[in-house]
Structure formats: C-alpha cells, structure tokens
Amino acid sequence: MIFANKIRELRESKQMLQRHISAALDIDNAMYCKIERGDRIARREQVIKLAELLDADQEELLKLWLADKVYDIVGEENSANDILSIVAESIVEYKTTKPL
C-alpha cells in the first residue's frame, strides 16, 4: 500500500477530489477509490497519468507501484528476504553481463 498512500497524500496536498482524478483517468470513481485504498492495483499507464496529474516524479511512482506488486507476490512468504536477495543478485548479474 506504499503506492496507494503516496497518491492519496499527493492528491490531498493538491486539494484534488477523487472524482477529478478518476475522470482524468477515464475510470469510475469507485475504481479509483479502490486503487487509492490499495484494494486494486493500478495499470502502468494509470501510474504514468497519475504522475502527470499530481505533478509527481514518474519514476518514483513507478518504483512504489512495482514495490507493491512485488510485495503482493512475496511479502507473505517466510523467506521473502532471501527471495528478494536472489532477485537483486540476478538483476546485478544481468546488468553486468548484458551485451550493449
């Protein structure tokens, strides 16, 4: 719910209503409310649009959005830290061996 908390905080700081955001995203208000509560995952293109609407850093919002997605997959696992370490090592290895 890191992403959900961030977009709520940004929206409130801009004094924008949820219905204005949902209209700009072309989704119904109930759907946006679920995204902001963390009950529903936004689509990538919605995250990009939210960054624009809320004058937020797109990369930061995408990182928070992805972090929530990863947490949904491994967060409840007993070995979540080990899993994330393996993934981190794989990413570093891929980046160092990837052909230009």
PDB file of N, CA and C in Angstrom:
ATOM      1  N   MET A   1       0.810  -1.193   0.000  1.00  0.00           N
ATOM      2  CA  MET A   1       0.000   0.000   0.000  1.00  0.00           C
ATOM      3  C   MET A   1       0.856   1.261   0.000  1.00  0.00           C
ATOM      4  N   ILE A   2       2.123   1.109  -0.284  1.00  0.00           N
ATOM      5  CA  ILE A   2       3.011   2.259  -0.342  1.00  0.00           C
ATOM      6  C   ILE A   2       2.550   3.211  -1.440  1.00  0.00           C
ATOM      7  N   PHE A   3       2.250   2.657  -2.601  1.00  0.00           N
ATOM      8  CA  PHE A   3       1.794   3.461  -3.739  1.00  0.00           C
ATOM      9  C   PHE A   3       0.475   4.150  -3.413  1.00  0.00           C
ATOM     10  N   ALA A   4      -0.460   3.412  -2.851  1.00  0.00           N
ATOM     11  CA  ALA A   4      -1.780   3.965  -2.523  1.00  0.00           C
ATOM     12  C   ALA A   4      -1.651   5.131  -1.549  1.00  0.00           C
ATOM     13  N   ASN A   5      -0.841   4.959  -0.524  1.00  0.00           N
ATOM     14  CA  ASN A   5      -0.644   6.040   0.448  1.00  0.00           C
ATOM     15  C   ASN A   5      -0.029   7.268  -0.204  1.00  0.00           C
ATOM     16  N   LYS A   6       0.911   7.049  -1.116  1.00  0.00           N
ATOM     17  CA  LYS A   6       1.589   8.163  -1.778  1.00  0.00           C
ATOM     18  C   LYS A   6       0.622   8.944  -2.660  1.00  0.00           C
ATOM     19  N   ILE A   7      -0.193   8.249  -3.460  1.00  0.00           N
ATOM     20  CA  ILE A   7      -1.096   9.003  -4.336  1.00  0.00           C
ATOM     21  C   ILE A   7      -2.178   9.721  -3.534  1.00  0.00           C
ATOM     22  N   ARG A   8      -2.595   9.132  -2.429  1.00  0.00           N
ATOM     23  CA  ARG A   8      -3.568   9.819  -1.568  1.00  0.00           C
ATOM     24  C   ARG A   8      -2.944  11.093  -0.998  1.00  0.00           C
ATOM     25  N   GLU A   9      -1.720  10.961  -0.506  1.00  0.00           N
ATOM     26  CA  GLU A   9      -1.004  12.113   0.056  1.00  0.00           C
ATOM     27  C   GLU A   9      -0.830  13.215  -0.998  1.00  0.00           C
ATOM     28  N   LEU A  10      -0.423  12.829  -2.195  1.00  0.00           N
ATOM     29  CA  LEU A  10      -0.230  13.809  -3.261  1.00  0.00           C
ATOM     30  C   LEU A  10      -1.546  14.480  -3.653  1.00  0.00           C
ATOM     31  N   ARG A  11      -2.600  13.680  -3.784  1.00  0.00           N
ATOM     32  CA  ARG A  11      -3.910  14.228  -4.168  1.00  0.00           C
ATOM     33  C   ARG A  11      -4.402  15.211  -3.115  1.00  0.00           C
ATOM     34  N   GLU A  12      -4.285  14.835  -1.854  1.00  0.00           N
ATOM     35  CA  GLU A  12      -4.746  15.711  -0.780  1.00  0.00           C
ATOM     36  C   GLU A  12      -3.921  16.995  -0.713  1.00  0.00           C
ATOM     37  N   SER A  13      -2.625  16.889  -0.962  1.00  0.00           N
ATOM     38  CA  SER A  13      -1.780  18.089  -0.926  1.00  0.00           C
ATOM     39  C   SER A  13      -2.139  19.048  -2.057  1.00  0.00           C
ATOM     40  N   LYS A  14      -2.650  18.497  -3.152  1.00  0.00           N
ATOM     41  CA  LYS A  14      -3.095  19.318  -4.284  1.00  0.00           C
ATOM     42  C   LYS A  14      -4.551  19.756  -4.125  1.00  0.00           C
ATOM     43  N   GLN A  15      -5.176  19.307  -3.052  1.00  0.00           N
ATOM     44  CA  GLN A  15      -6.585  19.593  -2.767  1.00  0.00           C
ATOM     45  C   GLN A  15      -7.481  19.204  -3.953  1.00  0.00           C
ATOM     46  N   MET A  16      -7.202  18.021  -4.495  1.00  0.00           N
ATOM     47  CA  MET A  16      -7.992  17.483  -5.602  1.00  0.00           C
ATOM     48  C   MET A  16      -8.951  16.434  -5.061  1.00  0.00           C
ATOM     49  N   LEU A  17     -10.096  16.348  -5.665  1.00  0.00           N
ATOM     50  CA  LEU A  17     -11.081  15.341  -5.277  1.00  0.00           C
ATOM     51  C   LEU A  17     -10.826  14.050  -6.037  1.00  0.00           C
ATOM     52  N   GLN A  18     -11.195  12.947  -5.409  1.00  0.00           N
ATOM     53  CA  GLN A  18     -11.040  11.647  -6.066  1.00  0.00           C
ATOM     54  C   GLN A  18     -11.792  11.612  -7.390  1.00  0.00           C
ATOM     55  N   ARG A  19     -12.944  12.226  -7.433  1.00  0.00           N
ATOM     56  CA  ARG A  19     -13.744  12.176  -8.678  1.00  0.00           C
ATOM     57  C   ARG A  19     -13.047  12.903  -9.822  1.00  0.00           C
ATOM     58  N   HIS A  20     -12.249  13.933  -9.518  1.00  0.00           N
ATOM     59  CA  HIS A  20     -11.499  14.629 -10.569  1.00  0.00           C
ATOM     60  C   HIS A  20     -10.394  13.737 -11.119  1.00  0.00           C
ATOM     61  N   ILE A  21      -9.746  13.020 -10.230  1.00  0.00           N
ATOM     62  CA  ILE A  21      -8.683  12.101 -10.657  1.00  0.00           C
ATOM     63  C   ILE A  21      -9.273  10.964 -11.480  1.00  0.00           C
ATOM     64  N   SER A  22     -10.356  10.382 -10.990  1.00  0.00           N
ATOM     65  CA  SER A  22     -10.966   9.263 -11.723  1.00  0.00           C
ATOM     66  C   SER A  22     -11.446   9.699 -13.098  1.00  0.00           C
ATOM     67  N   ALA A  23     -11.983  10.902 -13.213  1.00  0.00           N
ATOM     68  CA  ALA A  23     -12.437  11.405 -14.516  1.00  0.00           C
ATOM     69  C   ALA A  23     -11.242  11.563 -15.462  1.00  0.00           C
ATOM     70  N   ALA A  24     -10.131  12.079 -14.950  1.00  0.00           N
ATOM     71  CA  ALA A  24      -8.936  12.259 -15.774  1.00  0.00           C
ATOM     72  C   ALA A  24      -8.343  10.921 -16.213  1.00  0.00           C
ATOM     73  N   LEU A  25      -8.517   9.896 -15.369  1.00  0.00           N
ATOM     74  CA  LEU A  25      -8.024   8.553 -15.707  1.00  0.00           C
ATOM     75  C   LEU A  25      -9.016   7.779 -16.566  1.00  0.00           C
ATOM     76  N   ASP A  26     -10.205   8.345 -16.734  1.00  0.00           N
ATOM     77  CA  ASP A  26     -11.281   7.714 -17.501  1.00  0.00           C
ATOM     78  C   ASP A  26     -11.710   6.371 -16.884  1.00  0.00           C
ATOM     79  N   ILE A  27     -11.811   6.384 -15.545  1.00  0.00           N
ATOM     80  CA  ILE A  27     -12.329   5.224 -14.826  1.00  0.00           C
ATOM     81  C   ILE A  27     -13.404   5.722 -13.869  1.00  0.00           C
ATOM     82  N   ASP A  28     -14.257   4.819 -13.391  1.00  0.00           N
ATOM     83  CA  ASP A  28     -15.282   5.289 -12.455  1.00  0.00           C
ATOM     84  C   ASP A  28     -14.654   5.573 -11.094  1.00  0.00           C
ATOM     85  N   ASN A  29     -15.335   6.395 -10.334  1.00  0.00           N
ATOM     86  CA  ASN A  29     -14.803   6.849  -9.065  1.00  0.00           C
ATOM     87  C   ASN A  29     -14.566   5.687  -8.093  1.00  0.00           C
ATOM     88  N   ALA A  30     -15.459   4.707  -8.094  1.00  0.00           N
ATOM     89  CA  ALA A  30     -15.304   3.558  -7.200  1.00  0.00           C
ATOM     90  C   ALA A  30     -13.991   2.819  -7.485  1.00  0.00           C
ATOM     91  N   MET A  31     -13.652   2.703  -8.752  1.00  0.00           N
ATOM     92  CA  MET A  31     -12.399   2.030  -9.130  1.00  0.00           C
ATOM     93  C   MET A  31     -11.196   2.828  -8.617  1.00  0.00           C
ATOM     94  N   TYR A  32     -11.227   4.133  -8.788  1.00  0.00           N
ATOM     95  CA  TYR A  32     -10.108   4.939  -8.294  1.00  0.00           C
ATOM     96  C   TYR A  32     -10.003   4.839  -6.774  1.00  0.00           C
ATOM     97  N   CYS A  33     -11.131   4.870  -6.089  1.00  0.00           N
ATOM     98  CA  CYS A  33     -11.123   4.757  -4.622  1.00  0.00           C
ATOM     99  C   CYS A  33     -10.467   3.449  -4.186  1.00  0.00           C
ATOM    100  N   LYS A  34     -10.731   2.370  -4.920  1.00  0.00           N
ATOM    101  CA  LYS A  34     -10.103   1.078  -4.603  1.00  0.00           C
ATOM    102  C   LYS A  34      -8.596   1.134  -4.818  1.00  0.00           C
ATOM    103  N   ILE A  35      -8.164   1.827  -5.866  1.00  0.00           N
ATOM    104  CA  ILE A  35      -6.729   1.976  -6.120  1.00  0.00           C
ATOM    105  C   ILE A  35      -6.093   2.756  -4.979  1.00  0.00           C
ATOM    106  N   GLU A  36      -6.740   3.838  -4.568  1.00  0.00           N
ATOM    107  CA  GLU A  36      -6.184   4.687  -3.520  1.00  0.00           C
ATOM    108  C   GLU A  36      -6.200   4.004  -2.148  1.00  0.00           C
ATOM    109  N   ARG A  37      -7.111   3.061  -1.947  1.00  0.00           N
ATOM    110  CA  ARG A  37      -7.141   2.295  -0.687  1.00  0.00           C
ATOM    111  C   ARG A  37      -6.191   1.105  -0.726  1.00  0.00           C
ATOM    112  N   GLY A  38      -5.683   0.779  -1.897  1.00  0.00           N
ATOM    113  CA  GLY A  38      -4.799  -0.367  -2.033  1.00  0.00           C
ATOM    114  C   GLY A  38      -5.540  -1.668  -2.275  1.00  0.00           C
ATOM    115  N   ASP A  39      -6.845  -1.584  -2.546  1.00  0.00           N
ATOM    116  CA  ASP A  39      -7.645  -2.776  -2.807  1.00  0.00           C
ATOM    117  C   ASP A  39      -7.545  -3.230  -4.258  1.00  0.00           C
ATOM    118  N   ARG A  40      -7.045  -2.389  -5.101  1.00  0.00           N
ATOM    119  CA  ARG A  40      -6.938  -2.674  -6.533  1.00  0.00           C
ATOM    120  C   ARG A  40      -5.603  -2.119  -7.019  1.00  0.00           C
ATOM    121  N   ILE A  41      -4.982  -2.806  -7.953  1.00  0.00           N
ATOM    122  CA  ILE A  41      -3.695  -2.361  -8.488  1.00  0.00           C
ATOM    123  C   ILE A  41      -3.944  -1.539  -9.751  1.00  0.00           C
ATOM    124  N   ALA A  42      -3.344  -0.365  -9.794  1.00  0.00           N
ATOM    125  CA  ALA A  42      -3.444   0.477 -10.982  1.00  0.00           C
ATOM    126  C   ALA A  42      -2.673  -0.162 -12.125  1.00  0.00           C
ATOM    127  N   ARG A  43      -3.031   0.204 -13.337  1.00  0.00           N
ATOM    128  CA  ARG A  43      -2.262  -0.223 -14.501  1.00  0.00           C
ATOM    129  C   ARG A  43      -1.100   0.751 -14.693  1.00  0.00           C
ATOM    130  N   ARG A  44      -0.076   0.300 -15.351  1.00  0.00           N
ATOM    131  CA  ARG A  44       1.126   1.114 -15.564  1.00  0.00           C
ATOM    132  C   ARG A  44       0.782   2.461 -16.200  1.00  0.00           C
ATOM    133  N   GLU A  45      -0.048   2.462 -17.210  1.00  0.00           N
ATOM    134  CA  GLU A  45      -0.392   3.716 -17.876  1.00  0.00           C
ATOM    135  C   GLU A  45      -1.157   4.665 -16.943  1.00  0.00           C
ATOM    136  N   GLN A  46      -1.884   4.100 -15.991  1.00  0.00           N
ATOM    137  CA  GLN A  46      -2.566   4.928 -14.998  1.00  0.00           C
ATOM    138  C   GLN A  46      -1.562   5.567 -14.042  1.00  0.00           C
ATOM    139  N   VAL A  47      -0.529   4.834 -13.705  1.00  0.00           N
ATOM    140  CA  VAL A  47       0.517   5.364 -12.821  1.00  0.00           C
ATOM    141  C   VAL A  47       1.205   6.547 -13.502  1.00  0.00           C
ATOM    142  N   ILE A  48       1.493   6.401 -14.779  1.00  0.00           N
ATOM    143  CA  ILE A  48       2.132   7.474 -15.543  1.00  0.00           C
ATOM    144  C   ILE A  48       1.224   8.702 -15.598  1.00  0.00           C
ATOM    145  N   LYS A  49      -0.053   8.481 -15.833  1.00  0.00           N
ATOM    146  CA  LYS A  49      -1.017   9.582 -15.880  1.00  0.00           C
ATOM    147  C   LYS A  49      -1.158  10.233 -14.495  1.00  0.00           C
ATOM    148  N   LEU A  50      -1.165   9.434 -13.444  1.00  0.00           N
ATOM    149  CA  LEU A  50      -1.243   9.974 -12.084  1.00  0.00           C
ATOM    150  C   LEU A  50      -0.046  10.876 -11.785  1.00  0.00           C
ATOM    151  N   ALA A  51       1.125  10.469 -12.218  1.00  0.00           N
ATOM    152  CA  ALA A  51       2.317  11.293 -12.009  1.00  0.00           C
ATOM    153  C   ALA A  51       2.129  12.662 -12.656  1.00  0.00           C
ATOM    154  N   GLU A  52       1.587  12.653 -13.850  1.00  0.00           N
ATOM    155  CA  GLU A  52       1.329  13.905 -14.560  1.00  0.00           C
ATOM    156  C   GLU A  52       0.272  14.748 -13.837  1.00  0.00           C
ATOM    157  N   LEU A  53      -0.823  14.122 -13.460  1.00  0.00           N
ATOM    158  CA  LEU A  53      -1.925  14.837 -12.805  1.00  0.00           C
ATOM    159  C   LEU A  53      -1.520  15.423 -11.457  1.00  0.00           C
ATOM    160  N   LEU A  54      -0.680  14.688 -10.733  1.00  0.00           N
ATOM    161  CA  LEU A  54      -0.322  15.076  -9.375  1.00  0.00           C
ATOM    162  C   LEU A  54       1.029  15.791  -9.293  1.00  0.00           C
ATOM    163  N   ASP A  55       1.603  16.107 -10.455  1.00  0.00           N
ATOM    164  CA  ASP A  55       2.920  16.754 -10.514  1.00  0.00           C
ATOM    165  C   ASP A  55       3.943  15.992  -9.684  1.00  0.00           C
ATOM    166  N   ALA A  56       3.941  14.687  -9.855  1.00  0.00           N
ATOM    167  CA  ALA A  56       4.835  13.819  -9.091  1.00  0.00           C
ATOM    168  C   ALA A  56       5.919  13.265 -10.006  1.00  0.00           C
ATOM    169  N   ASP A  57       6.984  12.791  -9.408  1.00  0.00           N
ATOM    170  CA  ASP A  57       8.062  12.165 -10.155  1.00  0.00           C
ATOM    171  C   ASP A  57       7.586  10.805 -10.669  1.00  0.00           C
ATOM    172  N   GLN A  58       7.552  10.664 -11.972  1.00  0.00           N
ATOM    173  CA  GLN A  58       7.045   9.434 -12.591  1.00  0.00           C
ATOM    174  C   GLN A  58       7.843   8.215 -12.161  1.00  0.00           C
ATOM    175  N   GLU A  59       9.152   8.323 -12.144  1.00  0.00           N
ATOM    176  CA  GLU A  59       9.993   7.183 -11.755  1.00  0.00           C
ATOM    177  C   GLU A  59       9.729   6.763 -10.315  1.00  0.00           C
ATOM    178  N   GLU A  60       9.551   7.730  -9.429  1.00  0.00           N
ATOM    179  CA  GLU A  60       9.272   7.405  -8.031  1.00  0.00           C
ATOM    180  C   GLU A  60       7.948   6.658  -7.906  1.00  0.00           C
ATOM    181  N   LEU A  61       6.914   7.156  -8.578  1.00  0.00           N
ATOM    182  CA  LEU A  61       5.609   6.477  -8.505  1.00  0.00           C
ATOM    183  C   LEU A  61       5.684   5.077  -9.102  1.00  0.00           C
ATOM    184  N   LEU A  62       6.407   4.935 -10.207  1.00  0.00           N
ATOM    185  CA  LEU A  62       6.546   3.599 -10.802  1.00  0.00           C
ATOM    186  C   LEU A  62       7.286   2.649  -9.859  1.00  0.00           C
ATOM    187  N   LYS A  63       8.296   3.139  -9.174  1.00  0.00           N
ATOM    188  CA  LYS A  63       9.027   2.297  -8.212  1.00  0.00           C
ATOM    189  C   LYS A  63       8.123   1.856  -7.062  1.00  0.00           C
ATOM    190  N   LEU A  64       7.331   2.786  -6.541  1.00  0.00           N
ATOM    191  CA  LEU A  64       6.418   2.441  -5.450  1.00  0.00           C
ATOM    192  C   LEU A  64       5.359   1.448  -5.923  1.00  0.00           C
ATOM    193  N   TRP A  65       4.839   1.662  -7.125  1.00  0.00           N
ATOM    194  CA  TRP A  65       3.844   0.774  -7.721  1.00  0.00           C
ATOM    195  C   TRP A  65       4.417  -0.638  -7.891  1.00  0.00           C
ATOM    196  N   LEU A  66       5.633  -0.717  -8.427  1.00  0.00           N
ATOM    197  CA  LEU A  66       6.273  -2.020  -8.601  1.00  0.00           C
ATOM    198  C   LEU A  66       6.601  -2.672  -7.264  1.00  0.00           C
ATOM    199  N   ALA A  67       7.016  -1.873  -6.293  1.00  0.00           N
ATOM    200  CA  ALA A  67       7.312  -2.410  -4.964  1.00  0.00           C
ATOM    201  C   ALA A  67       6.063  -3.061  -4.366  1.00  0.00           C
ATOM    202  N   ASP A  68       4.919  -2.419  -4.538  1.00  0.00           N
ATOM    203  CA  ASP A  68       3.668  -3.011  -4.055  1.00  0.00           C
ATOM    204  C   ASP A  68       3.357  -4.320  -4.770  1.00  0.00           C
ATOM    205  N   LYS A  69       3.608  -4.359  -6.080  1.00  0.00           N
ATOM    206  CA  LYS A  69       3.346  -5.586  -6.837  1.00  0.00           C
ATOM    207  C   LYS A  69       4.246  -6.720  -6.353  1.00  0.00           C
ATOM    208  N   VAL A  70       5.525  -6.415  -6.117  1.00  0.00           N
ATOM    209  CA  VAL A  70       6.453  -7.431  -5.614  1.00  0.00           C
ATOM    210  C   VAL A  70       6.014  -7.890  -4.230  1.00  0.00           C
ATOM    211  N   TYR A  71       5.638  -6.941  -3.384  1.00  0.00           N
ATOM    212  CA  TYR A  71       5.198  -7.292  -2.033  1.00  0.00           C
ATOM    213  C   TYR A  71       3.978  -8.207  -2.081  1.00  0.00           C
ATOM    214  N   ASP A  72       3.051  -7.935  -2.992  1.00  0.00           N
ATOM    215  CA  ASP A  72       1.870  -8.791  -3.128  1.00  0.00           C
ATOM    216  C   ASP A  72       2.255 -10.233  -3.444  1.00  0.00           C
ATOM    217  N   ILE A  73       3.358 -10.405  -4.148  1.00  0.00           N
ATOM    218  CA  ILE A  73       3.788 -11.746  -4.533  1.00  0.00           C
ATOM    219  C   ILE A  73       4.573 -12.435  -3.426  1.00  0.00           C
ATOM    220  N   VAL A  74       5.533 -11.739  -2.813  1.00  0.00           N
ATOM    221  CA  VAL A  74       6.434 -12.408  -1.869  1.00  0.00           C
ATOM    222  C   VAL A  74       6.312 -11.950  -0.422  1.00  0.00           C
ATOM    223  N   GLY A  75       5.562 -10.913  -0.178  1.00  0.00           N
ATOM    224  CA  GLY A  75       5.516 -10.322   1.155  1.00  0.00           C
ATOM    225  C   GLY A  75       5.089 -11.256   2.261  1.00  0.00           C
ATOM    226  N   GLU A  76       4.236 -12.204   1.971  1.00  0.00           N
ATOM    227  CA  GLU A  76       3.728 -13.111   2.993  1.00  0.00           C
ATOM    228  C   GLU A  76       4.601 -14.361   3.173  1.00  0.00           C
ATOM    229  N   GLU A  77       5.573 -14.524   2.300  1.00  0.00           N
ATOM    230  CA  GLU A  77       6.438 -15.704   2.366  1.00  0.00           C
ATOM    231  C   GLU A  77       7.411 -15.588   3.540  1.00  0.00           C
ATOM    232  N   ASN A  78       7.682 -16.704   4.193  1.00  0.00           N
ATOM    233  CA  ASN A  78       8.643 -16.722   5.300  1.00  0.00           C
ATOM    234  C   ASN A  78      10.041 -16.337   4.839  1.00  0.00           C
ATOM    235  N   SER A  79      10.362 -16.690   3.615  1.00  0.00           N
ATOM    236  CA  SER A  79      11.709 -16.433   3.099  1.00  0.00           C
ATOM    237  C   SER A  79      11.738 -15.234   2.154  1.00  0.00           C
ATOM    238  N   ALA A  80      10.869 -14.244   2.375  1.00  0.00           N
ATOM    239  CA  ALA A  80      10.771 -13.080   1.487  1.00  0.00           C
ATOM    240  C   ALA A  80      12.116 -12.369   1.328  1.00  0.00           C
ATOM    241  N   ASN A  81      12.854 -12.195   2.419  1.00  0.00           N
ATOM    242  CA  ASN A  81      14.150 -11.510   2.318  1.00  0.00           C
ATOM    243  C   ASN A  81      15.127 -12.287   1.453  1.00  0.00           C
ATOM    244  N   ASP A  82      15.136 -13.606   1.606  1.00  0.00           N
ATOM    245  CA  ASP A  82      16.018 -14.439   0.784  1.00  0.00           C
ATOM    246  C   ASP A  82      15.620 -14.352  -0.689  1.00  0.00           C
ATOM    247  N   ILE A  83      14.326 -14.383  -0.946  1.00  0.00           N
ATOM    248  CA  ILE A  83      13.827 -14.300  -2.326  1.00  0.00           C
ATOM    249  C   ILE A  83      14.251 -12.978  -2.957  1.00  0.00           C
ATOM    250  N   LEU A  84      14.070 -11.887  -2.226  1.00  0.00           N
ATOM    251  CA  LEU A  84      14.430 -10.569  -2.752  1.00  0.00           C
ATOM    252  C   LEU A  84      15.939 -10.445  -2.966  1.00  0.00           C
ATOM    253  N   SER A  85      16.723 -11.076  -2.113  1.00  0.00           N
ATOM    254  CA  SER A  85      18.183 -11.066  -2.291  1.00  0.00           C
ATOM    255  C   SER A  85      18.579 -11.795  -3.568  1.00  0.00           C
ATOM    256  N   ILE A  86      17.939 -12.910  -3.827  1.00  0.00           N
ATOM    257  CA  ILE A  86      18.218 -13.668  -5.051  1.00  0.00           C
ATOM    258  C   ILE A  86      17.874 -12.834  -6.277  1.00  0.00           C
ATOM    259  N   VAL A  87      16.723 -12.173  -6.229  1.00  0.00           N
ATOM    260  CA  VAL A  87      16.305 -11.329  -7.347  1.00  0.00           C
ATOM    261  C   VAL A  87      17.292 -10.183  -7.544  1.00  0.00           C
ATOM    262  N   ALA A  88      17.697  -9.537  -6.451  1.00  0.00           N
ATOM    263  CA  ALA A  88      18.646  -8.423  -6.541  1.00  0.00           C
ATOM    264  C   ALA A  88      19.967  -8.877  -7.151  1.00  0.00           C
ATOM    265  N   GLU A  89      20.454 -10.032  -6.726  1.00  0.00           N
ATOM    266  CA  GLU A  89      21.696 -10.564  -7.287  1.00  0.00           C
ATOM    267  C   GLU A  89      21.542 -10.871  -8.771  1.00  0.00           C
ATOM    268  N   SER A  90      20.405 -11.403  -9.151  1.00  0.00           N
ATOM    269  CA  SER A  90      20.147 -11.724 -10.557  1.00  0.00           C
ATOM    270  C   SER A  90      20.111 -10.464 -11.413  1.00  0.00           C
ATOM    271  N   ILE A  91      19.534  -9.409 -10.880  1.00  0.00           N
ATOM    272  CA  ILE A  91      19.477  -8.140 -11.617  1.00  0.00           C
ATOM    273  C   ILE A  91      20.877  -7.580 -11.822  1.00  0.00           C
ATOM    274  N   VAL A  92      21.685  -7.599 -10.771  1.00  0.00           N
ATOM    275  CA  VAL A  92      23.063  -7.099 -10.876  1.00  0.00           C
ATOM    276  C   VAL A  92      23.833  -7.926 -11.877  1.00  0.00           C
ATOM    277  N   GLU A  93      23.695  -9.228 -11.808  1.00  0.00           N
ATOM    278  CA  GLU A  93      24.397 -10.116 -12.737  1.00  0.00           C
ATOM    279  C   GLU A  93      23.967  -9.848 -14.175  1.00  0.00           C
ATOM    280  N   TYR A  94      22.683  -9.700 -14.385  1.00  0.00           N
ATOM    281  CA  TYR A  94      22.161  -9.447 -15.725  1.00  0.00           C
ATOM    282  C   TYR A  94      22.728  -8.129 -16.275  1.00  0.00           C
ATOM    283  N   LYS A  95      22.734  -7.101 -15.429  1.00  0.00           N
ATOM    284  CA  LYS A  95      23.224  -5.792 -15.876  1.00  0.00           C
ATOM    285  C   LYS A  95      24.708  -5.810 -16.215  1.00  0.00           C
ATOM    286  N   THR A  96      25.483  -6.645 -15.532  1.00  0.00           N
ATOM    287  CA  THR A  96      26.922  -6.677 -15.782  1.00  0.00           C
ATOM    288  C   THR A  96      27.280  -7.570 -16.962  1.00  0.00           C
ATOM    289  N   THR A  97      26.401  -8.502 -17.319  1.00  0.00           N
ATOM    290  CA  THR A  97      26.706  -9.408 -18.436  1.00  0.00           C
ATOM    291  C   THR A  97      25.906  -9.107 -19.684  1.00  0.00           C
ATOM    292  N   LYS A  98      24.975  -8.178 -19.594  1.00  0.00           N
ATOM    293  CA  LYS A  98      24.106  -7.832 -20.733  1.00  0.00           C
ATOM    294  C   LYS A  98      24.954  -7.194 -21.837  1.00  0.00           C
ATOM    295  N   PRO A  99      24.813  -7.717 -23.064  1.00  0.00           N
ATOM    296  CA  PRO A  99      25.557  -7.108 -24.174  1.00  0.00           C
ATOM    297  C   PRO A  99      24.979  -5.720 -24.515  1.00  0.00           C
ATOM    298  N   LEU A 100      25.864  -4.823 -24.915  1.00  0.00           N
ATOM    299  CA  LEU A 100      25.431  -3.484 -25.305  1.00  0.00           C
ATOM    300  C   LEU A 100      24.860  -3.589 -26.661  1.00  0.00           C
TER     301      LEU A 100
END
